[in-house]
Amino acid sequence: MAAIAQGHQVHPDGRTWKSHFPKGDLWVFGYGSLIWKPPPHYDQRVPGYIEGYVRRFWQASTDHRGTPEQPGRVVTVIERSFWETLDDPLAHLESETSSTGKVWGAAYHIPASHAEEVHDYLDEREIDGYSAHYTPFHPTVPVEGSTTSPIICMVYIGQPSNPQFLRDAAHREPQHVAQVISNGHGLSGKNSEYLFMLEKALEGIGLGSADVHVRDLVRKVKDIEAEGVAEAEEVEAELRVTRSLEGAAEEADWGNRRPSIE
């Protein structure tokens, strides 16, 4: 794996996560489901952000929110330097003025007594195309036991080189992504539930933590679902009308066939 831009480094030389955390503990940053579904054994949950990335639903999910036959969509973070090179207007929802250059989420501190267990758990949980990287995390509240800021955190990223990344620009088109999410379902539940919970989790972090891409997809998926409900109601109404008319016709036919009483 190559080095990440802006000082965010991964190491192809065999270094393990322990080399980044010499005290034996572990800091993990979550920007997706980890925000509302924390790892076990954490003793601190700290809101904050990382810089130099953008969050996108550009990672296919063949397990938790989809299947191999019908992959869902989950978030990854993409190096901003790579994102800015994409010749795809739909990749750039944020304007220069609205983009903060921050990806908000939550960091979790895992004490040394459970660090290896949690690391192995996360490796298994994030197995579908993600790899571990290490990046500075900027907390927005005081951190117990730490006098330095930012804090180095481990973060799982689905890089563009991983097989689950959506390389085809047509598959990254927001309306297409929303349609896939509205239909997706995997081991952890509906794909739309994942999207809606991410929006609510980000709202809970604090002022300024909303994500333009996430909110845009939420609006699109809700529109699709509302259209689906309306279509289902229309079909049900048609069935009721048909049944009613058939019933009336049967009654009329029976009335015509009843013998007269003289």
Protein backbone atom coordinates (compact mmCIF):
# COMPACT_ATOMS: atom_id res chain seq x y z
CA MET A 1 0.00 0.00 0.00
CA ALA A 2 1.20 3.47 -0.82
CA ALA A 3 1.63 6.41 1.50
CA ILE A 4 -1.41 8.61 1.99
CA ALA A 5 -1.26 12.31 1.27
CA GLN A 6 -0.72 15.04 3.86
CA GLY A 7 1.33 12.93 6.23
CA HIS A 8 -1.20 10.10 6.64
CA GLN A 9 0.99 7.04 6.32
CA VAL A 10 0.47 3.31 5.93
CA HIS A 11 3.42 1.00 6.02
CA PRO A 12 4.29 -1.74 3.53
CA ASP A 13 7.39 -2.70 5.53
CA GLY A 14 5.69 -5.05 7.96
CA ARG A 15 5.14 -2.55 10.77
CA THR A 16 2.15 -3.47 12.88
CA TRP A 17 -0.45 -1.31 14.58
CA LYS A 18 1.50 -1.67 17.84
CA SER A 19 4.32 0.44 16.45
CA HIS A 20 1.90 3.37 16.30
CA PHE A 21 0.75 2.88 19.89
CA PRO A 22 3.85 2.18 21.99
CA LYS A 23 1.87 2.25 25.24
CA GLY A 24 -0.11 -0.76 24.08
CA ASP A 25 -3.45 1.02 23.96
CA LEU A 26 -5.35 1.84 20.75
CA TRP A 27 -7.21 4.79 19.27
CA VAL A 28 -9.73 4.05 16.50
CA PHE A 29 -11.56 6.64 14.39
CA GLY A 30 -15.01 5.84 13.02
CA TYR A 31 -16.69 7.78 10.21
CA GLY A 32 -19.42 5.24 9.37
CA SER A 33 -21.18 2.61 11.46
CA LEU A 34 -18.56 2.87 14.21
CA ILE A 35 -20.11 6.22 15.17
CA TRP A 36 -23.30 4.52 16.41
CA LYS A 37 -22.05 0.94 16.77
CA PRO A 38 -18.86 1.33 18.82
CA PRO A 39 -16.16 -1.31 19.23
CA PRO A 40 -16.20 -3.27 22.49
CA HIS A 41 -14.19 -2.34 25.59
CA TYR A 42 -13.73 1.36 24.83
CA ASP A 43 -13.32 3.68 27.81
CA GLN A 44 -13.52 7.00 25.93
CA ARG A 45 -15.63 8.20 23.01
CA VAL A 46 -14.46 11.53 21.62
CA PRO A 47 -16.15 13.55 18.84
CA GLY A 48 -13.93 15.25 16.29
CA TYR A 49 -12.64 15.10 12.74
CA ILE A 50 -9.83 14.13 10.40
CA GLU A 51 -8.55 16.30 7.56
CA GLY A 52 -7.44 15.64 4.00
CA TYR A 53 -10.32 13.29 3.12
CA VAL A 54 -13.90 13.31 1.84
CA ARG A 55 -16.59 10.79 2.80
CA ARG A 56 -18.41 8.98 -0.01
CA PHE A 57 -20.80 6.03 -0.44
CA TRP A 58 -18.46 4.60 -3.03
CA GLN A 59 -17.72 1.24 -1.42
CA ALA A 60 -19.74 -1.84 -2.38
CA SER A 61 -20.96 -4.06 0.46
CA THR A 62 -21.44 -7.76 -0.25
CA ASP A 63 -22.02 -8.74 3.36
CA HIS A 64 -23.37 -6.31 5.98
CA ARG A 65 -25.59 -4.15 3.73
CA GLY A 66 -25.80 -6.19 0.56
CA THR A 67 -25.06 -9.56 -1.01
CA PRO A 68 -22.60 -10.79 -3.65
CA GLU A 69 -25.52 -10.90 -6.09
CA GLN A 70 -26.83 -7.45 -5.13
CA PRO A 71 -24.12 -5.39 -3.41
CA GLY A 72 -25.18 -2.50 -1.21
CA ARG A 73 -23.33 0.77 -0.66
CA VAL A 74 -21.37 1.86 2.40
CA VAL A 75 -19.03 4.75 3.13
CA THR A 76 -15.33 5.05 2.72
CA VAL A 77 -13.10 8.11 2.97
CA ILE A 78 -11.07 9.19 -0.02
CA GLU A 79 -7.94 11.28 -0.05
CA ARG A 80 -8.94 14.79 -1.00
CA SER A 81 -6.00 15.06 -3.39
CA PHE A 82 -7.35 12.04 -5.34
CA TRP A 83 -10.96 13.24 -5.15
CA GLU A 84 -10.02 16.61 -6.66
CA THR A 85 -8.53 14.89 -9.73
CA LEU A 86 -11.77 13.09 -10.63
CA ASP A 87 -13.16 14.30 -13.94
CA ASP A 88 -16.68 13.84 -12.67
CA PRO A 89 -18.84 16.86 -11.73
CA LEU A 90 -21.13 14.61 -9.67
CA ALA A 91 -18.22 13.77 -7.40
CA HIS A 92 -18.03 17.39 -6.29
CA LEU A 93 -21.27 18.20 -4.49
CA GLU A 94 -19.53 20.59 -2.14
CA SER A 95 -18.63 24.03 -3.38
CA GLU A 96 -15.34 25.61 -2.46
CA THR A 97 -17.12 27.70 0.15
CA SER A 98 -19.22 24.93 1.69
CA SER A 99 -16.47 22.32 1.88
CA THR A 100 -14.72 22.32 5.25
CA GLY A 101 -12.11 19.72 4.34
CA LYS A 102 -13.10 17.79 7.47
CA VAL A 103 -14.58 14.34 7.92
CA TRP A 104 -16.45 14.24 11.21
CA GLY A 105 -16.84 11.16 13.35
CA ALA A 106 -15.92 9.67 16.70
CA ALA A 107 -12.67 8.28 18.07
CA TYR A 108 -12.57 5.48 20.63
CA HIS A 109 -9.82 4.76 23.11
CA ILE A 110 -9.23 1.09 23.82
CA PRO A 111 -7.12 0.32 26.92
CA ALA A 112 -4.06 -1.87 26.52
CA SER A 113 -5.77 -4.79 28.26
CA HIS A 114 -8.20 -5.14 25.34
CA ALA A 115 -6.36 -3.47 22.46
CA GLU A 116 -5.30 -6.62 20.62
CA GLU A 117 -8.72 -8.22 21.00
CA VAL A 118 -10.47 -5.13 19.63
CA HIS A 119 -7.96 -4.75 16.81
CA ASP A 120 -8.65 -8.33 15.69
CA TYR A 121 -12.40 -7.75 16.01
CA LEU A 122 -12.22 -4.66 13.80
CA ASP A 123 -10.05 -6.44 11.24
CA GLU A 124 -12.84 -8.99 10.90
CA ARG A 125 -15.65 -6.44 10.94
CA GLU A 126 -14.02 -4.27 8.26
CA ILE A 127 -12.84 -7.14 6.09
CA ASP A 128 -14.87 -6.25 2.99
CA GLY A 129 -12.28 -4.15 1.12
CA TYR A 130 -11.00 -1.98 3.98
CA SER A 131 -7.43 -1.66 5.22
CA ALA A 132 -5.98 0.00 8.32
CA HIS A 133 -4.32 3.42 8.07
CA TYR A 134 -3.07 5.91 10.64
CA THR A 135 -4.00 9.57 10.62
CA PRO A 136 -4.16 12.59 12.96
CA PHE A 137 -7.53 13.03 14.69
CA HIS A 138 -8.64 16.43 15.99
CA PRO A 139 -10.84 16.11 19.10
CA THR A 140 -13.38 18.81 19.87
CA VAL A 141 -13.51 18.07 23.60
CA PRO A 142 -10.76 17.48 26.19
CA VAL A 143 -9.28 13.99 26.07
CA GLU A 144 -8.64 12.23 29.35
CA GLY A 145 -5.02 11.22 29.81
CA SER A 146 -3.76 13.09 26.74
CA THR A 147 -2.06 16.47 26.54
CA THR A 148 -1.35 16.32 22.81
CA SER A 149 -3.59 17.18 19.90
CA PRO A 150 -4.10 15.87 17.31
CA ILE A 151 -4.12 12.20 18.34
CA ILE A 152 -2.92 9.47 15.99
CA CYS A 153 -5.83 7.14 15.24
CA MET A 154 -6.22 3.93 13.30
CA VAL A 155 -8.89 4.26 10.61
CA TYR A 156 -10.20 1.69 8.15
CA ILE A 157 -10.31 2.98 4.58
CA GLY A 158 -11.54 1.44 1.35
CA GLN A 159 -8.91 2.77 -1.02
CA PRO A 160 -9.62 3.19 -4.76
CA SER A 161 -7.36 0.19 -5.39
CA ASN A 162 -9.55 -2.20 -3.38
CA PRO A 163 -11.93 -4.47 -5.35
CA GLN A 164 -15.07 -3.08 -3.70
CA PHE A 165 -14.40 0.54 -4.67
CA LEU A 166 -16.74 1.90 -7.36
CA ARG A 167 -14.36 2.71 -10.18
CA ASP A 168 -17.07 3.27 -12.78
CA ALA A 169 -18.22 6.90 -12.54
CA ALA A 170 -21.75 5.86 -13.54
CA HIS A 171 -21.94 3.71 -10.41
CA ARG A 172 -20.91 6.72 -8.30
CA GLU A 173 -23.71 8.90 -9.68
CA PRO A 174 -25.78 9.96 -6.63
CA GLN A 175 -29.18 8.95 -8.01
CA HIS A 176 -27.82 5.51 -8.92
CA VAL A 177 -26.24 5.13 -5.48
CA ALA A 178 -29.54 6.12 -3.85
CA GLN A 179 -31.45 3.55 -5.93
CA VAL A 180 -29.02 0.82 -4.91
CA ILE A 181 -29.26 1.83 -1.24
CA SER A 182 -33.07 1.82 -1.35
CA ASN A 183 -33.04 -1.80 -2.56
CA GLY A 184 -30.08 -3.12 -0.55
CA HIS A 185 -30.23 -5.59 2.33
CA GLY A 186 -27.49 -7.61 4.03
CA LEU A 187 -26.55 -9.46 7.19
CA SER A 188 -26.76 -6.28 9.28
CA GLY A 189 -30.07 -5.10 7.83
CA LYS A 190 -31.40 -2.68 5.25
CA ASN A 191 -28.93 -0.51 3.39
CA SER A 192 -31.18 2.52 3.83
CA GLU A 193 -31.11 2.01 7.61
CA TYR A 194 -27.31 2.36 7.50
CA LEU A 195 -27.62 5.65 5.58
CA PHE A 196 -30.31 7.10 7.85
CA MET A 197 -28.45 6.11 11.02
CA LEU A 198 -25.27 7.71 9.71
CA GLU A 199 -27.09 10.99 9.13
CA LYS A 200 -28.56 10.96 12.67
CA ALA A 201 -25.23 9.95 14.21
CA LEU A 202 -23.48 12.86 12.50
CA GLU A 203 -26.18 15.25 13.69
CA GLY A 204 -25.52 14.04 17.23
CA ILE A 205 -21.83 14.91 17.06
CA GLY A 206 -22.44 18.64 17.03
CA LEU A 207 -22.73 21.84 15.07
CA GLY A 208 -20.98 21.76 11.72
CA SER A 209 -20.69 17.98 11.52
CA ALA A 210 -23.35 17.45 8.83
CA ASP A 211 -22.16 15.90 5.56
CA VAL A 212 -23.46 17.29 2.25
CA HIS A 213 -23.07 13.95 0.44
CA VAL A 214 -24.89 12.00 3.16
CA ARG A 215 -27.76 14.48 3.37
CA ASP A 216 -28.15 14.49 -0.41
CA LEU A 217 -28.42 10.69 -0.47
CA VAL A 218 -30.90 10.67 2.42
CA ARG A 219 -33.16 13.04 0.49
CA LYS A 220 -32.91 10.96 -2.68
CA VAL A 221 -33.56 7.64 -0.93
CA LYS A 222 -36.58 9.05 0.92
CA ASP A 223 -37.96 10.34 -2.38
CA ILE A 224 -37.51 6.87 -3.91
CA GLU A 225 -39.17 5.21 -0.93
CA ALA A 226 -42.06 7.69 -0.98
CA GLU A 227 -42.56 6.98 -4.67
CA GLY A 228 -42.51 3.27 -3.92
CA VAL A 229 -45.13 3.67 -1.19
CA ALA A 230 -47.29 5.74 -3.52
CA GLU A 231 -46.98 3.11 -6.26
CA ALA A 232 -47.84 0.33 -3.79
CA GLU A 233 -50.88 2.28 -2.60
CA GLU A 234 -51.94 2.84 -6.21
CA VAL A 235 -51.64 -0.88 -6.98
CA GLU A 236 -53.62 -1.72 -3.84
CA ALA A 237 -56.32 0.78 -4.83
CA GLU A 238 -56.54 -0.76 -8.30
CA LEU A 239 -56.90 -4.22 -6.75
CA ARG A 240 -59.66 -3.01 -4.45
CA VAL A 241 -61.53 -1.43 -7.35
CA THR A 242 -61.17 -4.62 -9.39
CA ARG A 243 -62.38 -6.79 -6.51
CA SER A 244 -65.28 -4.45 -5.85
CA LEU A 245 -66.38 -4.46 -9.48
CA GLU A 246 -65.98 -8.22 -9.74
CA GLY A 247 -68.04 -8.65 -6.58
CA ALA A 248 -70.74 -6.34 -7.89
CA ALA A 249 -70.80 -8.18 -11.21
CA GLU A 250 -71.17 -11.52 -9.46
CA GLU A 251 -74.04 -10.18 -7.37
CA ALA A 252 -75.73 -8.77 -10.44
CA ASP A 253 -75.28 -12.03 -12.31
CA TRP A 254 -76.67 -14.01 -9.37
CA GLY A 255 -79.64 -11.67 -9.20
CA ASN A 256 -80.33 -12.16 -12.88
CA ARG A 257 -80.18 -15.93 -12.51
CA ARG A 258 -82.44 -16.21 -9.42
CA PRO A 259 -85.75 -17.91 -10.21
CA SER A 260 -88.74 -15.61 -10.02
CA ILE A 261 -91.43 -16.30 -7.42
CA GLU A 262 -94.95 -16.10 -8.77
